[in-house]
Amino acid sequence: MRAKDKEGLTHLGRAGNVYNFSYDPEVLEVFDNQHTENDYRVKFNCPEFTTLCPITGQPDFASLYISYIPDIKMVESKSLKLYLFSFRNHGDFHEDCVNIIMKDLIHLMDPRYIEVWGKFTPRGGISIDPWCNYGKPGTKFEQMAEYRLMNHDLYPENIDNR
């Protein structure tokens, strides 16, 4: 990464980061998209996402997938890791977690398009896989979001590893 891209980033390249065990969207940081003329996807896979059940306090585990098409700003990956870690002792339902994450990233970056999918491991014999998305209003990405939402589970996946 060029030196000018690092300006204003406080987590990248720094050892000894403080890991916040409580939900903390303030840890998120952005940098400028160097290719605003292109539509392209950035995808993050977090196979070790954890949060707590708001009722029982038991841990919930998920693989979390975040995919977005940036506009002007992009999320810095180390700050995203610290942010996702901050859910460790946060109590919310699975559906709430993915929507909170998506809304925080929309507020942070104002992306052209974003989707967040949580594939939670089963508890009590049931797995919950909430998926949410957003397309910037008044653009082709708003139409894309509607199409993706309507067709998301049209072809169910085969799950043989849970």
C-alpha atoms as a PDB file:
ATOM      1  CA  MET A   1       0.000   0.000   0.000  1.00  0.00           C
ATOM      2  CA  ARG A   2       1.359   3.421  -0.894  1.00  0.00           C
ATOM      3  CA  ALA A   3       2.191   5.718   2.016  1.00  0.00           C
ATOM      4  CA  LYS A   4      -0.462   8.266   1.034  1.00  0.00           C
ATOM      5  CA  ASP A   5      -3.153   5.554   1.279  1.00  0.00           C
ATOM      6  CA  LYS A   6      -2.325   4.971   4.949  1.00  0.00           C
ATOM      7  CA  GLU A   7      -3.053   8.519   6.069  1.00  0.00           C
ATOM      8  CA  GLY A   8      -5.653   8.539   8.767  1.00  0.00           C
ATOM      9  CA  LEU A   9      -5.566   4.763   9.322  1.00  0.00           C
ATOM     10  CA  THR A  10      -4.712   4.014  12.928  1.00  0.00           C
ATOM     11  CA  HIS A  11      -4.864   0.186  13.003  1.00  0.00           C
ATOM     12  CA  LEU A  12      -3.017  -0.906   9.865  1.00  0.00           C
ATOM     13  CA  GLY A  13       0.582  -1.878  10.531  1.00  0.00           C
ATOM     14  CA  ARG A  14       0.301  -1.298  14.249  1.00  0.00           C
ATOM     15  CA  ALA A  15       1.136  -4.042  16.717  1.00  0.00           C
ATOM     16  CA  GLY A  16      -0.568  -4.247  20.071  1.00  0.00           C
ATOM     17  CA  ASN A  17      -4.090  -3.304  19.052  1.00  0.00           C
ATOM     18  CA  VAL A  18      -6.661  -3.235  21.796  1.00  0.00           C
ATOM     19  CA  TYR A  19      -9.414  -5.779  21.199  1.00  0.00           C
ATOM     20  CA  ASN A  20     -12.740  -4.413  22.363  1.00  0.00           C
ATOM     21  CA  PHE A  21     -15.042  -7.126  23.717  1.00  0.00           C
ATOM     22  CA  SER A  22     -18.129  -4.924  23.381  1.00  0.00           C
ATOM     23  CA  TYR A  23     -19.826  -3.871  20.139  1.00  0.00           C
ATOM     24  CA  ASP A  24     -17.829  -0.952  18.742  1.00  0.00           C
ATOM     25  CA  PRO A  25     -18.566   0.487  15.270  1.00  0.00           C
ATOM     26  CA  GLU A  26     -16.209   3.393  16.010  1.00  0.00           C
ATOM     27  CA  VAL A  27     -13.213   1.126  15.343  1.00  0.00           C
ATOM     28  CA  LEU A  28     -14.080   0.961  11.604  1.00  0.00           C
ATOM     29  CA  GLU A  29     -11.866   2.953   9.236  1.00  0.00           C
ATOM     30  CA  VAL A  30     -11.984   3.771   5.537  1.00  0.00           C
ATOM     31  CA  PHE A  31      -9.594   4.660   2.759  1.00  0.00           C
ATOM     32  CA  ASP A  32     -10.157   6.088  -0.715  1.00  0.00           C
ATOM     33  CA  ASN A  33     -11.160   3.780  -3.553  1.00  0.00           C
ATOM     34  CA  GLN A  34      -8.448   4.215  -6.199  1.00  0.00           C
ATOM     35  CA  HIS A  35     -10.683   2.794  -8.959  1.00  0.00           C
ATOM     36  CA  THR A  36     -13.990   4.641  -8.709  1.00  0.00           C
ATOM     37  CA  GLU A  37     -14.474   4.348 -12.468  1.00  0.00           C
ATOM     38  CA  ASN A  38     -14.798   0.544 -12.144  1.00  0.00           C
ATOM     39  CA  ASP A  39     -17.598  -1.570 -10.731  1.00  0.00           C
ATOM     40  CA  TYR A  40     -15.900  -4.388  -8.845  1.00  0.00           C
ATOM     41  CA  ARG A  41     -16.548  -6.547  -5.794  1.00  0.00           C
ATOM     42  CA  VAL A  42     -14.640  -6.839  -2.568  1.00  0.00           C
ATOM     43  CA  LYS A  43     -15.431  -9.928  -0.517  1.00  0.00           C
ATOM     44  CA  PHE A  44     -14.520 -10.697   3.078  1.00  0.00           C
ATOM     45  CA  ASN A  45     -14.910 -14.171   4.545  1.00  0.00           C
ATOM     46  CA  CYS A  46     -14.889 -14.434   8.321  1.00  0.00           C
ATOM     47  CA  PRO A  47     -15.130 -18.144   9.239  1.00  0.00           C
ATOM     48  CA  GLU A  48     -14.751 -17.497  12.973  1.00  0.00           C
ATOM     49  CA  PHE A  49     -17.421 -14.901  13.752  1.00  0.00           C
ATOM     50  CA  THR A  50     -18.829 -15.181  17.268  1.00  0.00           C
ATOM     51  CA  THR A  51     -21.563 -13.414  19.173  1.00  0.00           C
ATOM     52  CA  LEU A  52     -23.839 -14.225  22.099  1.00  0.00           C
ATOM     53  CA  CYS A  53     -27.474 -15.252  22.274  1.00  0.00           C
ATOM     54  CA  PRO A  54     -29.287 -12.290  23.854  1.00  0.00           C
ATOM     55  CA  ILE A  55     -31.529 -14.607  25.890  1.00  0.00           C
ATOM     56  CA  THR A  56     -29.291 -17.452  27.084  1.00  0.00           C
ATOM     57  CA  GLY A  57     -25.872 -15.794  26.810  1.00  0.00           C
ATOM     58  CA  GLN A  58     -24.585 -18.895  25.005  1.00  0.00           C
ATOM     59  CA  PRO A  59     -22.050 -18.350  22.217  1.00  0.00           C
ATOM     60  CA  ASP A  60     -23.143 -18.452  18.594  1.00  0.00           C
ATOM     61  CA  PHE A  61     -20.646 -19.207  15.833  1.00  0.00           C
ATOM     62  CA  ALA A  62     -20.883 -18.356  12.156  1.00  0.00           C
ATOM     63  CA  SER A  63     -19.072 -17.981   8.902  1.00  0.00           C
ATOM     64  CA  LEU A  64     -19.779 -14.413   7.896  1.00  0.00           C
ATOM     65  CA  TYR A  65     -19.574 -13.240   4.285  1.00  0.00           C
ATOM     66  CA  ILE A  66     -19.460  -9.559   3.402  1.00  0.00           C
ATOM     67  CA  SER A  67     -19.435  -8.618  -0.271  1.00  0.00           C
ATOM     68  CA  TYR A  68     -19.641  -5.070  -1.577  1.00  0.00           C
ATOM     69  CA  ILE A  69     -19.137  -2.872  -4.614  1.00  0.00           C
ATOM     70  CA  PRO A  70     -17.307   0.238  -3.395  1.00  0.00           C
ATOM     71  CA  ASP A  71     -18.009   3.785  -4.433  1.00  0.00           C
ATOM     72  CA  ILE A  72     -15.729   6.505  -3.004  1.00  0.00           C
ATOM     73  CA  LYS A  73     -14.644   4.848   0.259  1.00  0.00           C
ATOM     74  CA  MET A  74     -13.572   1.312   1.193  1.00  0.00           C
ATOM     75  CA  VAL A  75     -13.389  -0.378   4.583  1.00  0.00           C
ATOM     76  CA  GLU A  76      -9.892  -1.082   5.861  1.00  0.00           C
ATOM     77  CA  SER A  77      -9.621  -4.824   6.577  1.00  0.00           C
ATOM     78  CA  LYS A  78      -7.822  -4.703   9.927  1.00  0.00           C
ATOM     79  CA  SER A  79     -10.397  -2.298  11.324  1.00  0.00           C
ATOM     80  CA  LEU A  80     -13.097  -4.654  10.008  1.00  0.00           C
ATOM     81  CA  LYS A  81     -11.477  -7.551  11.888  1.00  0.00           C
ATOM     82  CA  LEU A  82     -11.424  -5.512  15.096  1.00  0.00           C
ATOM     83  CA  TYR A  83     -15.046  -4.488  14.522  1.00  0.00           C
ATOM     84  CA  LEU A  84     -16.221  -8.064  13.943  1.00  0.00           C
ATOM     85  CA  PHE A  85     -14.287  -9.149  17.029  1.00  0.00           C
ATOM     86  CA  SER A  86     -16.240  -6.576  19.033  1.00  0.00           C
ATOM     87  CA  PHE A  87     -19.351  -8.751  18.598  1.00  0.00           C
ATOM     88  CA  ARG A  88     -17.724 -11.449  20.762  1.00  0.00           C
ATOM     89  CA  ASN A  89     -19.596 -10.460  23.921  1.00  0.00           C
ATOM     90  CA  HIS A  90     -22.457  -8.679  22.175  1.00  0.00           C
ATOM     91  CA  GLY A  91     -25.889 -10.201  22.607  1.00  0.00           C
ATOM     92  CA  ASP A  92     -28.129 -10.063  19.539  1.00  0.00           C
ATOM     93  CA  PHE A  93     -30.096 -12.469  17.418  1.00  0.00           C
ATOM     94  CA  HIS A  94     -28.426 -13.742  14.233  1.00  0.00           C
ATOM     95  CA  GLU A  95     -30.732 -11.670  12.032  1.00  0.00           C
ATOM     96  CA  ASP A  96     -29.922  -8.541  14.023  1.00  0.00           C
ATOM     97  CA  CYS A  97     -26.163  -9.097  13.770  1.00  0.00           C
ATOM     98  CA  VAL A  98     -26.072  -9.285   9.964  1.00  0.00           C
ATOM     99  CA  ASN A  99     -28.353  -6.253   9.599  1.00  0.00           C
ATOM    100  CA  ILE A 100     -26.359  -4.211  12.130  1.00  0.00           C
ATOM    101  CA  ILE A 101     -23.112  -5.068  10.316  1.00  0.00           C
ATOM    102  CA  MET A 102     -24.591  -4.127   6.951  1.00  0.00           C
ATOM    103  CA  LYS A 103     -26.022  -0.834   8.244  1.00  0.00           C
ATOM    104  CA  ASP A 104     -22.756   0.108   9.956  1.00  0.00           C
ATOM    105  CA  LEU A 105     -20.832  -0.524   6.730  1.00  0.00           C
ATOM    106  CA  ILE A 106     -23.372   1.466   4.687  1.00  0.00           C
ATOM    107  CA  HIS A 107     -23.039   4.363   7.136  1.00  0.00           C
ATOM    108  CA  LEU A 108     -19.236   4.101   6.980  1.00  0.00           C
ATOM    109  CA  MET A 109     -18.656   3.721   3.235  1.00  0.00           C
ATOM    110  CA  ASP A 110     -21.887   4.492   1.344  1.00  0.00           C
ATOM    111  CA  PRO A 111     -21.134   1.617  -1.068  1.00  0.00           C
ATOM    112  CA  ARG A 112     -22.828   1.114  -4.419  1.00  0.00           C
ATOM    113  CA  TYR A 113     -23.950  -2.341  -3.277  1.00  0.00           C
ATOM    114  CA  ILE A 114     -23.445  -4.569  -0.233  1.00  0.00           C
ATOM    115  CA  GLU A 115     -24.635  -7.911   1.070  1.00  0.00           C
ATOM    116  CA  VAL A 116     -23.960  -9.666   4.370  1.00  0.00           C
ATOM    117  CA  TRP A 117     -24.620 -13.361   4.941  1.00  0.00           C
ATOM    118  CA  GLY A 118     -24.248 -15.145   8.253  1.00  0.00           C
ATOM    119  CA  LYS A 119     -24.088 -18.932   8.154  1.00  0.00           C
ATOM    120  CA  PHE A 120     -24.519 -19.835  11.807  1.00  0.00           C
ATOM    121  CA  THR A 121     -23.740 -23.304  13.112  1.00  0.00           C
ATOM    122  CA  PRO A 122     -26.707 -25.247  14.472  1.00  0.00           C
ATOM    123  CA  ARG A 123     -27.871 -25.074  18.044  1.00  0.00           C
ATOM    124  CA  GLY A 124     -30.748 -27.297  19.027  1.00  0.00           C
ATOM    125  CA  GLY A 125     -30.668 -28.941  15.602  1.00  0.00           C
ATOM    126  CA  ILE A 126     -31.417 -25.766  13.612  1.00  0.00           C
ATOM    127  CA  SER A 127     -29.027 -23.523  11.733  1.00  0.00           C
ATOM    128  CA  ILE A 128     -29.990 -19.960  10.872  1.00  0.00           C
ATOM    129  CA  ASP A 129     -28.508 -18.270   7.815  1.00  0.00           C
ATOM    130  CA  PRO A 130     -29.712 -14.641   7.614  1.00  0.00           C
ATOM    131  CA  TRP A 131     -28.840 -12.718   4.447  1.00  0.00           C
ATOM    132  CA  CYS A 132     -29.398  -9.024   3.792  1.00  0.00           C
ATOM    133  CA  ASN A 133     -28.430  -6.612   1.054  1.00  0.00           C
ATOM    134  CA  TYR A 134     -28.619  -3.003  -0.091  1.00  0.00           C
ATOM    135  CA  GLY A 135     -28.218  -1.149  -3.382  1.00  0.00           C
ATOM    136  CA  LYS A 136     -27.689   2.598  -3.584  1.00  0.00           C
ATOM    137  CA  PRO A 137     -31.102   4.196  -4.246  1.00  0.00           C
ATOM    138  CA  GLY A 138     -31.744   5.526  -7.727  1.00  0.00           C
ATOM    139  CA  THR A 139     -28.972   3.449  -9.319  1.00  0.00           C
ATOM    140  CA  LYS A 140     -28.725   0.130 -11.133  1.00  0.00           C
ATOM    141  CA  PHE A 141     -27.465  -1.271  -7.814  1.00  0.00           C
ATOM    142  CA  GLU A 142     -30.860  -0.689  -6.201  1.00  0.00           C
ATOM    143  CA  GLN A 143     -32.361  -2.880  -8.931  1.00  0.00           C
ATOM    144  CA  MET A 144     -29.573  -5.405  -8.476  1.00  0.00           C
ATOM    145  CA  ALA A 145     -30.310  -5.595  -4.735  1.00  0.00           C
ATOM    146  CA  GLU A 146     -33.985  -6.253  -5.376  1.00  0.00           C
ATOM    147  CA  TYR A 147     -33.174  -8.962  -7.918  1.00  0.00           C
ATOM    148  CA  ARG A 148     -30.603 -10.616  -5.626  1.00  0.00           C
ATOM    149  CA  LEU A 149     -33.050 -10.573  -2.709  1.00  0.00           C
ATOM    150  CA  MET A 150     -35.846 -12.118  -4.757  1.00  0.00           C
ATOM    151  CA  ASN A 151     -33.574 -14.825  -6.174  1.00  0.00           C
ATOM    152  CA  HIS A 152     -31.199 -15.467  -3.266  1.00  0.00           C
ATOM    153  CA  ASP A 153     -32.544 -18.904  -2.306  1.00  0.00           C
ATOM    154  CA  LEU A 154     -33.818 -19.914  -5.730  1.00  0.00           C
ATOM    155  CA  TYR A 155     -31.157 -22.609  -5.911  1.00  0.00           C
ATOM    156  CA  PRO A 156     -30.645 -23.928  -2.350  1.00  0.00           C
ATOM    157  CA  GLU A 157     -27.166 -25.004  -1.478  1.00  0.00           C
ATOM    158  CA  ASN A 158     -26.223 -28.525  -0.487  1.00  0.00           C
ATOM    159  CA  ILE A 159     -25.148 -28.570   3.130  1.00  0.00           C
ATOM    160  CA  ASP A 160     -23.373 -31.727   4.163  1.00  0.00           C
ATOM    161  CA  ASN A 161     -20.748 -30.394   6.531  1.00  0.00           C
ATOM    162  CA  ARG A 162     -22.843 -29.170   9.457  1.00  0.00           C
END
